[in-house]
N, C-alpha and C. Protein backbone atom coordinates (compact mmCIF):
# COMPACT_ATOMS: atom_id res chain seq x y z
N UNK A 1 0.86 -1.23 0.05
CA UNK A 1 0.01 0.02 0.04
C UNK A 1 0.96 1.20 -0.01
N UNK A 2 0.59 2.24 -0.90
CA UNK A 2 1.23 3.37 -1.06
C UNK A 2 0.79 4.78 -1.48
N UNK A 3 1.00 5.97 -1.16
CA UNK A 3 0.38 7.01 -1.33
C UNK A 3 1.11 7.64 -2.70
N UNK A 4 0.35 7.82 -3.70
CA UNK A 4 0.86 8.36 -5.19
C UNK A 4 0.54 9.70 -5.24
N UNK A 5 1.32 10.58 -5.79
CA UNK A 5 1.09 11.88 -6.02
C UNK A 5 0.99 12.20 -7.54
N UNK A 6 0.03 12.85 -7.95
CA UNK A 6 -0.18 13.38 -9.32
C UNK A 6 -0.67 14.94 -9.38
N UNK A 7 -0.12 15.43 -10.38
CA UNK A 7 -0.40 16.67 -10.73
C UNK A 7 -1.92 16.84 -11.62
N UNK A 8 -2.41 17.89 -11.59
CA UNK A 8 -3.68 18.33 -12.43
C UNK A 8 -3.14 17.93 -13.92
N UNK A 9 -4.00 16.87 -14.54
CA UNK A 9 -3.81 16.71 -16.05
C UNK A 9 -2.90 15.51 -16.24
N UNK A 10 -2.27 14.92 -15.31
CA UNK A 10 -1.64 13.65 -15.24
C UNK A 10 -2.47 12.42 -15.31
N UNK A 11 -2.00 11.41 -16.03
CA UNK A 11 -2.88 10.29 -16.10
C UNK A 11 -2.49 9.34 -15.00
N UNK A 12 -3.43 8.70 -14.32
CA UNK A 12 -3.29 7.78 -13.16
C UNK A 12 -2.82 6.24 -14.00
N UNK A 13 -3.50 5.98 -14.87
CA UNK A 13 -3.33 4.79 -15.78
C UNK A 13 -4.03 4.88 -17.04
N UNK A 14 -3.79 4.04 -17.95
CA UNK A 14 -4.18 3.94 -19.37
C UNK A 14 -4.50 2.62 -19.86
N UNK A 15 -5.08 2.16 -20.69
CA UNK A 15 -5.47 1.06 -20.94
C UNK A 15 -4.17 0.16 -21.36
N UNK A 16 -2.93 0.94 -21.37
CA UNK A 16 -1.94 0.11 -21.92
C UNK A 16 -0.82 -0.32 -20.51
N UNK A 17 -1.36 0.19 -19.43
CA UNK A 17 -0.50 -0.01 -18.19
C UNK A 17 -0.71 -1.30 -17.63
N UNK A 18 0.27 -1.86 -17.23
CA UNK A 18 0.10 -3.19 -16.47
C UNK A 18 -0.03 -2.97 -14.91
N UNK A 19 -1.31 -2.63 -14.70
CA UNK A 19 -1.62 -2.27 -13.10
C UNK A 19 -2.71 -2.99 -12.72
N UNK A 20 -2.65 -3.66 -11.51
CA UNK A 20 -3.95 -4.42 -10.93
C UNK A 20 -3.93 -3.98 -9.71
N UNK A 21 -5.14 -3.38 -9.16
CA UNK A 21 -5.34 -3.22 -7.71
C UNK A 21 -6.46 -2.02 -7.63
N UNK A 22 -6.59 -1.63 -6.46
CA UNK A 22 -7.46 -0.61 -5.91
C UNK A 22 -7.02 0.71 -5.65
N UNK A 23 -7.45 1.86 -5.97
CA UNK A 23 -7.13 3.16 -5.74
C UNK A 23 -8.32 3.95 -4.91
N UNK A 24 -7.78 4.75 -3.81
CA UNK A 24 -8.73 5.13 -2.95
C UNK A 24 -8.00 6.90 -3.11
N UNK A 25 -9.20 7.66 -3.57
CA UNK A 25 -8.61 8.91 -3.51
C UNK A 25 -8.66 9.66 -2.11
N UNK A 26 -7.40 10.06 -1.65
CA UNK A 26 -7.26 10.85 -0.53
C UNK A 26 -7.36 12.28 -0.77
N UNK A 27 -6.95 12.83 -1.68
CA UNK A 27 -6.99 14.35 -2.10
C UNK A 27 -7.29 14.33 -3.55
N UNK A 28 -8.02 15.41 -3.72
CA UNK A 28 -8.39 15.63 -5.33
C UNK A 28 -9.34 14.91 -6.13
N UNK A 29 -9.59 15.07 -7.39
CA UNK A 29 -10.61 14.42 -8.21
C UNK A 29 -9.91 13.75 -9.47
N UNK A 30 -10.73 12.62 -9.89
CA UNK A 30 -10.35 11.94 -11.17
C UNK A 30 -11.36 11.63 -12.00
N UNK A 31 -11.02 11.92 -13.19
CA UNK A 31 -11.89 11.62 -14.48
C UNK A 31 -11.74 10.22 -15.08
N UNK A 32 -12.81 9.38 -15.18
CA UNK A 32 -12.69 8.26 -15.74
C UNK A 32 -13.58 8.34 -17.07
N UNK A 33 -12.55 7.85 -18.19
CA UNK A 33 -13.25 7.95 -19.50
C UNK A 33 -12.82 6.92 -20.41
N UNK A 34 -13.29 6.83 -21.54
CA UNK A 34 -12.97 5.96 -22.54
C UNK A 34 -12.64 7.06 -23.74
N UNK A 35 -11.86 6.46 -24.93
CA UNK A 35 -11.66 6.92 -26.27
C UNK A 35 -12.22 6.02 -27.14
N UNK A 36 -13.01 6.55 -28.31
CA UNK A 36 -13.52 5.81 -29.20
C UNK A 36 -12.48 5.58 -30.24
N UNK A 37 -12.72 4.96 -31.33
CA UNK A 37 -11.83 4.60 -32.36
C UNK A 37 -11.15 6.00 -33.02
N UNK A 38 -12.08 6.96 -32.97
CA UNK A 38 -11.46 8.28 -33.64
C UNK A 38 -10.97 9.21 -32.62
N UNK A 39 -10.74 8.82 -31.39
CA UNK A 39 -10.03 9.48 -30.30
C UNK A 39 -10.97 10.24 -29.63
N UNK A 40 -12.14 10.27 -29.91
CA UNK A 40 -13.14 11.03 -29.08
C UNK A 40 -13.35 10.70 -27.68
N UNK A 41 -13.35 11.67 -26.74
CA UNK A 41 -13.51 11.03 -25.36
C UNK A 41 -15.00 10.82 -24.92
N UNK A 42 -15.17 9.72 -24.13
CA UNK A 42 -16.67 9.51 -23.61
C UNK A 42 -16.33 9.49 -22.24
N UNK A 43 -16.77 10.49 -21.54
CA UNK A 43 -16.59 10.47 -20.03
C UNK A 43 -17.53 9.50 -19.29
N UNK A 44 -17.16 8.98 -18.13
CA UNK A 44 -18.00 7.93 -17.36
C UNK A 44 -18.29 8.64 -16.20
N UNK A 45 -17.45 9.13 -15.27
CA UNK A 45 -17.48 9.64 -14.13
C UNK A 45 -16.44 10.53 -13.76
N UNK A 46 -16.70 11.41 -12.60
CA UNK A 46 -15.76 12.26 -11.92
C UNK A 46 -15.66 11.68 -10.52
N UNK A 47 -14.69 11.22 -9.76
CA UNK A 47 -14.47 10.68 -8.53
C UNK A 47 -13.78 11.64 -7.57
N UNK A 48 -14.39 11.80 -6.44
CA UNK A 48 -13.68 12.76 -5.44
C UNK A 48 -13.01 11.77 -4.22
N UNK A 49 -12.70 12.78 -3.16
CA UNK A 49 -12.15 11.98 -1.99
C UNK A 49 -12.82 11.19 -1.39
N UNK A 50 -12.39 9.88 -1.10
CA UNK A 50 -12.82 8.93 -0.28
C UNK A 50 -13.28 7.59 -1.33
N UNK A 51 -13.53 8.11 -2.66
CA UNK A 51 -14.18 7.01 -3.70
C UNK A 51 -12.97 6.16 -4.22
N UNK A 52 -13.74 5.08 -4.73
CA UNK A 52 -12.61 4.01 -5.10
C UNK A 52 -12.80 3.53 -6.45
N UNK A 53 -11.72 3.31 -6.96
CA UNK A 53 -11.63 2.78 -8.49
C UNK A 53 -10.54 1.89 -8.65
N UNK A 54 -10.35 1.44 -9.79
CA UNK A 54 -9.07 0.64 -10.08
C UNK A 54 -9.38 -0.46 -11.33
N UNK A 55 -8.49 -1.24 -11.46
CA UNK A 55 -8.69 -2.38 -12.31
C UNK A 55 -8.07 -3.62 -12.05
N UNK A 56 -8.55 -4.78 -12.43
CA UNK A 56 -8.23 -5.98 -11.97
C UNK A 56 -7.71 -7.00 -13.19
N UNK A 57 -7.76 -6.31 -14.39
CA UNK A 57 -7.35 -7.42 -15.43
C UNK A 57 -6.58 -6.42 -16.37
N UNK A 58 -6.20 -7.10 -17.53
CA UNK A 58 -5.24 -6.15 -18.59
C UNK A 58 -6.27 -5.86 -19.86
N UNK A 59 -7.80 -5.97 -19.56
CA UNK A 59 -8.09 -5.93 -20.67
C UNK A 59 -9.20 -4.63 -20.54
N UNK A 60 -8.89 -3.88 -19.65
CA UNK A 60 -9.82 -2.63 -19.35
C UNK A 60 -9.28 -1.55 -20.21
N UNK A 61 -10.33 -0.68 -20.87
CA UNK A 61 -10.04 0.12 -21.89
C UNK A 61 -10.19 1.49 -21.32
N UNK A 62 -10.33 1.72 -20.10
CA UNK A 62 -10.68 3.22 -19.29
C UNK A 62 -9.31 3.67 -19.08
N UNK A 63 -9.44 4.97 -19.26
CA UNK A 63 -8.38 6.06 -18.92
C UNK A 63 -8.79 6.63 -17.60
N UNK A 64 -7.95 6.97 -16.55
CA UNK A 64 -8.03 7.61 -15.39
C UNK A 64 -7.14 9.15 -15.47
N UNK A 65 -7.69 10.12 -15.26
CA UNK A 65 -6.95 11.48 -15.36
C UNK A 65 -7.18 12.17 -14.33
N UNK A 66 -6.48 12.95 -13.63
CA UNK A 66 -6.44 13.79 -12.56
C UNK A 66 -7.04 15.09 -13.04
N UNK A 67 -8.13 15.59 -12.52
CA UNK A 67 -8.83 17.07 -13.00
C UNK A 67 -8.00 18.00 -12.01
N UNK A 68 -7.56 17.67 -10.66
CA UNK A 68 -7.06 18.24 -9.95
C UNK A 68 -5.67 17.77 -9.35
N UNK A 69 -4.72 18.51 -8.66
CA UNK A 69 -3.58 17.64 -8.02
C UNK A 69 -4.25 16.68 -7.02
N UNK A 70 -3.67 15.44 -7.12
CA UNK A 70 -4.14 14.34 -6.22
C UNK A 70 -3.02 13.65 -5.60
N UNK A 71 -3.60 13.02 -4.62
CA UNK A 71 -3.03 12.01 -3.63
C UNK A 71 -3.91 11.04 -3.57
N UNK A 72 -3.21 9.63 -4.22
CA UNK A 72 -4.14 8.43 -4.17
C UNK A 72 -3.52 7.26 -3.61
N UNK A 73 -4.31 6.50 -2.71
CA UNK A 73 -3.69 5.47 -2.11
C UNK A 73 -3.89 4.27 -3.06
N UNK A 74 -2.73 3.55 -3.29
CA UNK A 74 -3.02 2.51 -4.30
C UNK A 74 -2.60 1.20 -3.33
N UNK A 75 -3.57 0.22 -3.45
CA UNK A 75 -3.58 -1.22 -2.78
C UNK A 75 -3.53 -2.18 -3.82
N UNK A 76 -2.43 -2.95 -4.05
CA UNK A 76 -2.09 -3.95 -5.08
C UNK A 76 -3.17 -5.08 -5.08
N UNK A 77 -3.28 -5.80 -5.97
CA UNK A 77 -4.21 -6.84 -5.87
C UNK A 77 -3.73 -8.20 -4.68
N UNK A 78 -2.43 -8.08 -4.43
CA UNK A 78 -2.00 -9.06 -3.71
C UNK A 78 -2.14 -8.41 -2.29
N UNK A 79 -2.15 -7.22 -2.16
CA UNK A 79 -2.25 -6.58 -0.69
C UNK A 79 -3.79 -6.64 -0.48
N UNK A 80 -4.66 -6.54 -1.42
CA UNK A 80 -6.11 -6.60 -1.06
C UNK A 80 -6.48 -7.94 -0.26
N UNK A 81 -5.87 -9.15 -0.81
CA UNK A 81 -5.98 -10.46 -0.31
C UNK A 81 -5.62 -10.46 1.29
N UNK A 82 -4.75 -9.50 1.82
CA UNK A 82 -4.28 -9.50 3.01
C UNK A 82 -5.09 -8.55 3.86
N UNK A 83 -6.06 -7.79 3.34
CA UNK A 83 -6.78 -6.73 4.18
C UNK A 83 -7.67 -7.61 5.20
N UNK A 84 -7.95 -6.68 6.09
CA UNK A 84 -8.94 -7.16 7.11
C UNK A 84 -10.32 -7.24 6.39
N UNK A 85 -11.41 -8.22 6.83
CA UNK A 85 -12.45 -8.34 6.27
C UNK A 85 -13.35 -7.04 6.01
N UNK A 86 -13.34 -6.35 7.23
CA UNK A 86 -14.19 -4.98 7.39
C UNK A 86 -13.77 -3.99 6.36
N UNK A 87 -12.51 -4.02 6.11
CA UNK A 87 -12.00 -2.97 4.96
C UNK A 87 -12.20 -3.38 3.67
N UNK A 88 -12.06 -4.63 3.41
CA UNK A 88 -12.35 -5.48 1.99
C UNK A 88 -13.85 -5.15 1.91
N UNK A 89 -14.74 -5.22 2.89
CA UNK A 89 -16.12 -4.88 2.58
C UNK A 89 -16.47 -3.58 2.16
N UNK A 90 -15.84 -2.58 2.73
CA UNK A 90 -16.09 -1.23 2.40
C UNK A 90 -15.53 -1.01 0.99
N UNK A 91 -14.40 -1.61 0.71
CA UNK A 91 -14.11 -1.40 -0.74
C UNK A 91 -15.04 -2.06 -1.91
N UNK A 92 -15.54 -3.19 -1.29
CA UNK A 92 -16.44 -3.82 -2.22
C UNK A 92 -17.98 -3.15 -2.34
N UNK A 93 -18.37 -2.59 -1.29
CA UNK A 93 -19.58 -1.74 -1.32
C UNK A 93 -19.23 -0.58 -1.99
N UNK A 94 -18.22 0.11 -2.16
CA UNK A 94 -17.87 1.27 -2.88
C UNK A 94 -17.94 0.80 -4.35
N UNK A 95 -17.26 -0.32 -4.82
CA UNK A 95 -17.17 -0.71 -6.11
C UNK A 95 -18.75 -1.06 -6.50
N UNK A 96 -19.48 -1.67 -5.81
CA UNK A 96 -20.86 -1.98 -6.06
C UNK A 96 -21.87 -0.65 -6.29
N UNK A 97 -21.57 0.11 -5.51
CA UNK A 97 -22.19 1.49 -5.77
C UNK A 97 -21.78 2.15 -6.96
N UNK A 98 -20.59 1.99 -7.39
CA UNK A 98 -20.17 2.77 -8.59
C UNK A 98 -20.68 1.73 -9.81
N UNK A 99 -20.60 0.88 -9.66
CA UNK A 99 -21.31 -0.29 -10.96
C UNK A 99 -22.60 0.06 -11.05
N UNK A 100 -23.50 0.24 -9.89
CA UNK A 100 -25.10 0.76 -10.08
C UNK A 100 -25.13 1.87 -10.85
N UNK A 101 -23.92 2.85 -10.44
CA UNK A 101 -24.29 4.18 -11.02
C UNK A 101 -23.98 4.12 -12.56
N UNK A 102 -22.86 3.25 -12.85
CA UNK A 102 -22.71 3.27 -14.34
C UNK A 102 -23.88 2.47 -15.11
N UNK A 103 -24.38 1.59 -14.35
CA UNK A 103 -25.57 0.92 -15.06
C UNK A 103 -26.79 1.97 -15.47
N UNK A 104 -26.92 2.72 -14.35
CA UNK A 104 -27.79 3.92 -14.50
C UNK A 104 -27.32 4.78 -15.61
N UNK A 105 -26.05 4.98 -15.80
CA UNK A 105 -25.82 5.91 -16.94
C UNK A 105 -26.14 5.31 -18.25
N UNK A 106 -25.76 3.87 -18.38
CA UNK A 106 -26.05 3.23 -19.53
C UNK A 106 -27.77 3.29 -19.85
N UNK A 107 -28.33 3.27 -18.81
CA UNK A 107 -29.91 3.31 -19.09
C UNK A 107 -30.05 4.67 -19.50
N UNK A 108 -29.90 5.75 -18.93
CA UNK A 108 -30.05 7.06 -19.37
C UNK A 108 -29.59 7.32 -20.84
N UNK A 109 -28.47 6.83 -21.00
CA UNK A 109 -27.96 6.90 -22.64
C UNK A 109 -28.91 6.39 -23.25
N UNK A 110 -29.74 5.29 -23.13
CA UNK A 110 -30.48 4.54 -24.07
C UNK A 110 -31.79 5.12 -24.19
N UNK A 111 -32.24 5.62 -22.93
CA UNK A 111 -33.55 6.02 -22.86
C UNK A 111 -34.15 7.37 -22.60
N UNK A 112 -33.28 8.25 -21.97
CA UNK A 112 -33.46 9.69 -21.88
C UNK A 112 -33.27 10.43 -23.26
N UNK A 113 -33.83 11.49 -23.20
CA UNK A 113 -33.68 12.50 -24.25
C UNK A 113 -32.26 13.37 -24.12
N UNK A 114 -31.74 14.02 -25.02
CA UNK A 114 -30.57 14.75 -24.58
C UNK A 114 -30.87 15.86 -23.66
N UNK A 115 -32.14 16.33 -23.77
CA UNK A 115 -32.11 17.54 -22.83
C UNK A 115 -32.16 17.09 -21.33
N UNK A 116 -32.85 16.00 -21.06
CA UNK A 116 -32.78 15.49 -19.78
C UNK A 116 -31.50 14.84 -19.14
N UNK A 117 -30.63 14.37 -20.17
CA UNK A 117 -29.29 13.86 -20.01
C UNK A 117 -28.51 15.09 -19.29
N UNK A 118 -28.61 16.09 -20.46
CA UNK A 118 -27.85 17.25 -20.13
C UNK A 118 -28.10 17.91 -18.81
N UNK A 119 -29.40 18.13 -18.52
CA UNK A 119 -29.63 18.74 -16.91
C UNK A 119 -29.15 17.91 -15.81
N UNK A 120 -29.39 16.49 -16.17
CA UNK A 120 -28.93 15.59 -15.08
C UNK A 120 -27.51 15.30 -15.08
N UNK A 121 -26.80 15.48 -15.80
CA UNK A 121 -25.21 15.64 -15.80
C UNK A 121 -24.71 16.75 -15.00
N UNK A 122 -25.40 17.80 -15.54
CA UNK A 122 -24.84 19.25 -14.86
C UNK A 122 -25.20 19.07 -13.48
N UNK A 123 -26.13 18.51 -12.99
CA UNK A 123 -26.46 18.56 -11.64
C UNK A 123 -25.50 17.38 -10.97
N UNK A 124 -25.33 16.42 -11.45
CA UNK A 124 -24.24 15.45 -10.70
C UNK A 124 -22.88 15.92 -10.93
N UNK A 125 -22.46 16.73 -11.74
CA UNK A 125 -21.25 17.17 -11.72
C UNK A 125 -20.99 18.26 -10.80
N UNK A 126 -22.00 18.94 -10.76
CA UNK A 126 -21.94 20.17 -9.72
C UNK A 126 -21.85 19.46 -8.29
N UNK A 127 -22.38 18.45 -8.02
CA UNK A 127 -22.05 17.79 -6.69
C UNK A 127 -20.73 17.68 -6.51
N UNK A 128 -19.72 17.21 -7.53
CA UNK A 128 -18.51 16.89 -7.55
C UNK A 128 -17.58 17.87 -7.41
N UNK A 129 -17.81 18.97 -8.52
CA UNK A 129 -16.87 20.01 -8.87
C UNK A 129 -17.33 21.37 -8.48
N UNK A 130 -18.62 21.54 -8.06
CA UNK A 130 -19.09 22.73 -7.83
C UNK A 130 -18.66 23.48 -6.70
N UNK A 131 -18.33 24.78 -6.79
CA UNK A 131 -17.63 25.71 -5.81
C UNK A 131 -19.16 26.10 -4.98
N UNK A 132 -19.19 25.75 -3.89
CA UNK A 132 -20.48 26.02 -3.16
C UNK A 132 -20.49 27.23 -2.17
N UNK A 133 -21.65 27.81 -2.09
CA UNK A 133 -21.70 29.00 -1.17
C UNK A 133 -23.24 28.75 -0.57
N UNK A 134 -23.57 29.75 0.22
CA UNK A 134 -24.84 29.28 1.08
C UNK A 134 -26.11 29.69 0.20
N UNK A 135 -26.00 30.28 -0.91
CA UNK A 135 -27.14 30.55 -1.73
C UNK A 135 -27.13 29.58 -3.14
N UNK A 136 -25.85 29.42 -3.83
CA UNK A 136 -25.77 28.77 -5.08
C UNK A 136 -24.65 27.82 -5.18
N UNK A 137 -24.44 27.24 -6.27
CA UNK A 137 -23.27 26.32 -6.70
C UNK A 137 -22.71 26.71 -7.88
N UNK A 138 -21.46 26.98 -7.90
CA UNK A 138 -20.92 27.58 -9.36
C UNK A 138 -19.99 26.32 -9.85
N UNK A 139 -20.14 26.17 -11.08
CA UNK A 139 -19.45 25.02 -11.76
C UNK A 139 -18.97 25.55 -13.12
N UNK A 140 -17.59 25.60 -13.26
CA UNK A 140 -16.71 25.82 -14.48
C UNK A 140 -16.76 24.48 -15.22
N UNK A 141 -17.56 24.53 -16.42
CA UNK A 141 -17.62 23.11 -17.21
C UNK A 141 -17.91 23.51 -18.68
N UNK A 142 -17.22 23.21 -19.62
CA UNK A 142 -17.30 23.70 -21.04
C UNK A 142 -18.25 22.86 -21.75
N UNK A 143 -18.85 23.31 -22.78
CA UNK A 143 -19.83 22.58 -23.68
C UNK A 143 -19.17 21.39 -24.15
N UNK A 144 -17.89 21.33 -24.36
CA UNK A 144 -17.20 20.32 -24.81
C UNK A 144 -17.29 19.04 -23.86
N UNK A 145 -17.06 19.51 -22.53
CA UNK A 145 -16.93 18.66 -21.46
C UNK A 145 -18.33 17.91 -21.04
N UNK A 146 -19.27 18.85 -21.11
CA UNK A 146 -20.64 18.09 -21.09
C UNK A 146 -21.08 17.26 -22.25
N UNK A 147 -20.56 17.59 -23.33
CA UNK A 147 -20.86 16.59 -24.47
C UNK A 147 -20.18 15.30 -24.46
N UNK A 148 -19.06 15.21 -23.84
CA UNK A 148 -18.35 13.96 -23.57
C UNK A 148 -19.08 13.03 -22.57
N UNK A 149 -19.76 13.68 -21.71
CA UNK A 149 -20.62 12.91 -20.69
C UNK A 149 -22.10 12.59 -21.07
N UNK A 150 -22.66 13.30 -22.02
CA UNK A 150 -23.85 12.86 -22.35
C UNK A 150 -24.08 12.13 -23.79
N UNK A 151 -22.88 11.99 -24.40
CA UNK A 151 -22.81 11.16 -25.73
C UNK A 151 -23.49 12.21 -26.83
N UNK A 152 -22.94 13.42 -26.91
CA UNK A 152 -23.37 14.12 -28.02
C UNK A 152 -22.36 15.03 -28.46
N UNK A 153 -22.76 15.90 -29.62
CA UNK A 153 -21.65 16.93 -29.95
C UNK A 153 -21.67 17.94 -29.08
N UNK A 154 -20.68 18.83 -29.34
CA UNK A 154 -20.68 20.17 -28.56
C UNK A 154 -21.67 20.97 -29.15
N UNK A 155 -22.00 20.84 -30.34
CA UNK A 155 -22.95 21.61 -31.03
C UNK A 155 -24.47 21.32 -30.65
N UNK A 156 -24.84 20.09 -30.49
CA UNK A 156 -26.05 19.64 -29.88
C UNK A 156 -26.23 20.15 -28.44
N UNK A 157 -25.08 19.93 -27.53
CA UNK A 157 -25.22 20.40 -26.44
C UNK A 157 -25.58 21.94 -26.19
N UNK A 158 -24.62 22.65 -26.96
CA UNK A 158 -25.15 24.25 -27.12
C UNK A 158 -26.55 24.47 -27.28
N UNK A 159 -27.13 23.71 -28.38
CA UNK A 159 -28.67 24.03 -28.83
C UNK A 159 -29.53 23.42 -27.74
N UNK A 160 -29.01 22.33 -27.06
CA UNK A 160 -29.75 21.81 -25.77
C UNK A 160 -29.85 22.97 -24.76
N UNK A 161 -28.70 23.55 -24.49
CA UNK A 161 -28.73 24.65 -23.43
C UNK A 161 -29.60 25.76 -23.88
N UNK A 162 -29.68 26.03 -25.00
CA UNK A 162 -30.66 27.21 -25.63
C UNK A 162 -32.04 26.86 -25.34
N UNK A 163 -32.39 25.50 -25.59
CA UNK A 163 -33.69 25.08 -25.32
C UNK A 163 -33.98 25.19 -23.60
N UNK A 164 -33.02 24.85 -22.95
CA UNK A 164 -33.27 24.98 -21.41
C UNK A 164 -33.44 26.47 -21.17
N UNK A 165 -32.76 27.28 -21.81
CA UNK A 165 -32.73 28.98 -21.60
C UNK A 165 -34.18 29.16 -22.14
N UNK A 166 -34.67 28.63 -23.13
CA UNK A 166 -36.08 29.06 -23.58
C UNK A 166 -36.93 28.76 -22.54
N UNK A 167 -36.72 27.58 -21.94
CA UNK A 167 -37.57 27.21 -20.83
C UNK A 167 -37.69 27.89 -19.53
N UNK A 168 -36.63 28.83 -19.43
CA UNK A 168 -36.41 29.51 -18.31
C UNK A 168 -35.58 28.88 -17.22
N UNK A 169 -34.99 27.81 -17.73
CA UNK A 169 -33.96 26.89 -16.67
C UNK A 169 -32.66 27.42 -16.76
N UNK A 170 -32.18 27.81 -17.92
CA UNK A 170 -30.79 28.26 -18.21
C UNK A 170 -30.73 29.72 -18.65
N UNK A 171 -29.66 30.45 -18.08
CA UNK A 171 -29.46 31.78 -18.89
C UNK A 171 -27.95 31.77 -19.05
N UNK A 172 -27.69 31.89 -20.20
CA UNK A 172 -26.31 31.91 -20.65
C UNK A 172 -25.37 33.23 -20.79
N UNK A 173 -24.33 33.27 -19.81
CA UNK A 173 -23.49 34.39 -19.86
C UNK A 173 -22.03 33.78 -19.67
N UNK A 174 -21.15 34.08 -20.20
CA UNK A 174 -19.86 33.72 -19.89
C UNK A 174 -19.28 32.44 -19.61
N UNK A 175 -19.26 31.50 -19.57
CA UNK A 175 -18.56 29.88 -19.31
C UNK A 175 -18.60 29.41 -18.05
N UNK A 176 -19.67 29.85 -17.18
CA UNK A 176 -19.77 28.95 -16.02
C UNK A 176 -21.22 28.67 -15.88
N UNK A 177 -21.53 27.60 -14.95
CA UNK A 177 -22.93 27.10 -14.80
C UNK A 177 -23.20 27.27 -13.19
N UNK A 178 -24.19 28.13 -13.01
CA UNK A 178 -24.50 28.46 -11.76
C UNK A 178 -25.83 27.69 -11.45
N UNK A 179 -25.72 26.85 -10.22
CA UNK A 179 -27.27 26.40 -9.87
C UNK A 179 -27.67 27.01 -8.55
N UNK A 180 -28.79 27.75 -8.90
CA UNK A 180 -29.10 28.66 -7.59
C UNK A 180 -29.92 27.76 -6.53
N UNK A 181 -29.28 27.00 -5.94
CA UNK A 181 -29.84 25.95 -5.08
C UNK A 181 -28.86 26.05 -3.65
N UNK A 182 -29.19 25.79 -2.62
CA UNK A 182 -28.47 25.50 -1.47
C UNK A 182 -27.53 24.33 -1.37
N UNK A 183 -26.50 24.35 -0.87
CA UNK A 183 -25.39 22.83 -0.76
C UNK A 183 -26.48 21.85 -0.16
N UNK A 184 -27.29 21.83 0.79
CA UNK A 184 -28.00 20.98 1.09
C UNK A 184 -29.04 20.45 -0.07
N UNK A 185 -29.61 21.33 -0.61
CA UNK A 185 -30.63 20.84 -1.83
C UNK A 185 -29.60 19.91 -2.64
N UNK A 186 -28.53 20.57 -2.90
CA UNK A 186 -27.86 19.82 -4.14
C UNK A 186 -27.35 18.43 -3.56
N UNK A 187 -26.84 18.04 -2.37
CA UNK A 187 -26.42 16.88 -1.83
C UNK A 187 -27.81 15.89 -1.78
N UNK A 188 -28.96 16.65 -1.52
CA UNK A 188 -30.18 15.65 -1.36
C UNK A 188 -30.80 15.27 -2.86
N UNK A 189 -30.32 16.03 -3.94
CA UNK A 189 -30.70 15.62 -5.13
C UNK A 189 -32.01 15.48 -5.28
N UNK A 190 -32.82 16.67 -4.51
CA UNK A 190 -34.42 16.33 -4.79
C UNK A 190 -34.94 17.68 -5.34
N UNK A 191 -34.56 18.77 -4.63
CA UNK A 191 -35.37 19.88 -4.99
C UNK A 191 -34.51 20.78 -6.10
N UNK A 192 -34.61 20.36 -7.32
CA UNK A 192 -33.79 21.06 -8.34
C UNK A 192 -34.58 22.42 -8.53
N UNK A 193 -33.87 23.57 -8.71
CA UNK A 193 -34.44 24.86 -9.03
C UNK A 193 -33.58 25.20 -10.41
N UNK A 194 -33.78 26.42 -10.57
CA UNK A 194 -33.19 26.91 -11.84
C UNK A 194 -31.66 26.79 -11.99
N UNK A 195 -31.26 26.43 -13.29
CA UNK A 195 -29.82 26.40 -13.45
C UNK A 195 -29.49 27.44 -14.40
N UNK A 196 -28.46 28.00 -14.14
CA UNK A 196 -27.84 29.52 -14.74
C UNK A 196 -26.65 29.03 -15.24
N UNK A 197 -26.31 29.54 -16.58
CA UNK A 197 -24.85 29.57 -17.09
C UNK A 197 -24.66 30.89 -17.11
N UNK A 198 -23.32 31.04 -16.60
CA UNK A 198 -22.88 32.78 -16.64
C UNK A 198 -21.50 32.60 -17.22
């Protein structure tokens, strides 16, 4: 078990790395994504402090990239076998939750229209990356980055944000997305209010 340090933009691992084990984020945030045959990024998740990720075989095609400076605890496959059952149970629980989230993402990709996918992903990413205050949550996220999460082109996302603006849910100004909700409402993921883009 060791603590690894990464700078923002550094890759934790790629499909070509021979690494097997579990990683726990001690500080920072990590983006998990795939690349299609044309090199287009398909983002899956953004992980934050305390979350678990990793790989256990040489067939994984995912990339893991730090979106902030990170400190990550790496537990090798052999070390996992020697962990106390209680610690192993926590790791397994985290991985199961993550698997359930990814299955939901696949379902949303299949059945939800782009407008709903866009609104949902903005809300989800704001929970992970949003700068929180007592009145609103501010998120710096480009149309291109949103597009990589919702499985659409940047142009389609821009048009979708315009639709949300016409419905009074989004107001576009400068390259930030601001959710005018309290931090508690954001964490509860229940009382969605207006989404504003500044």
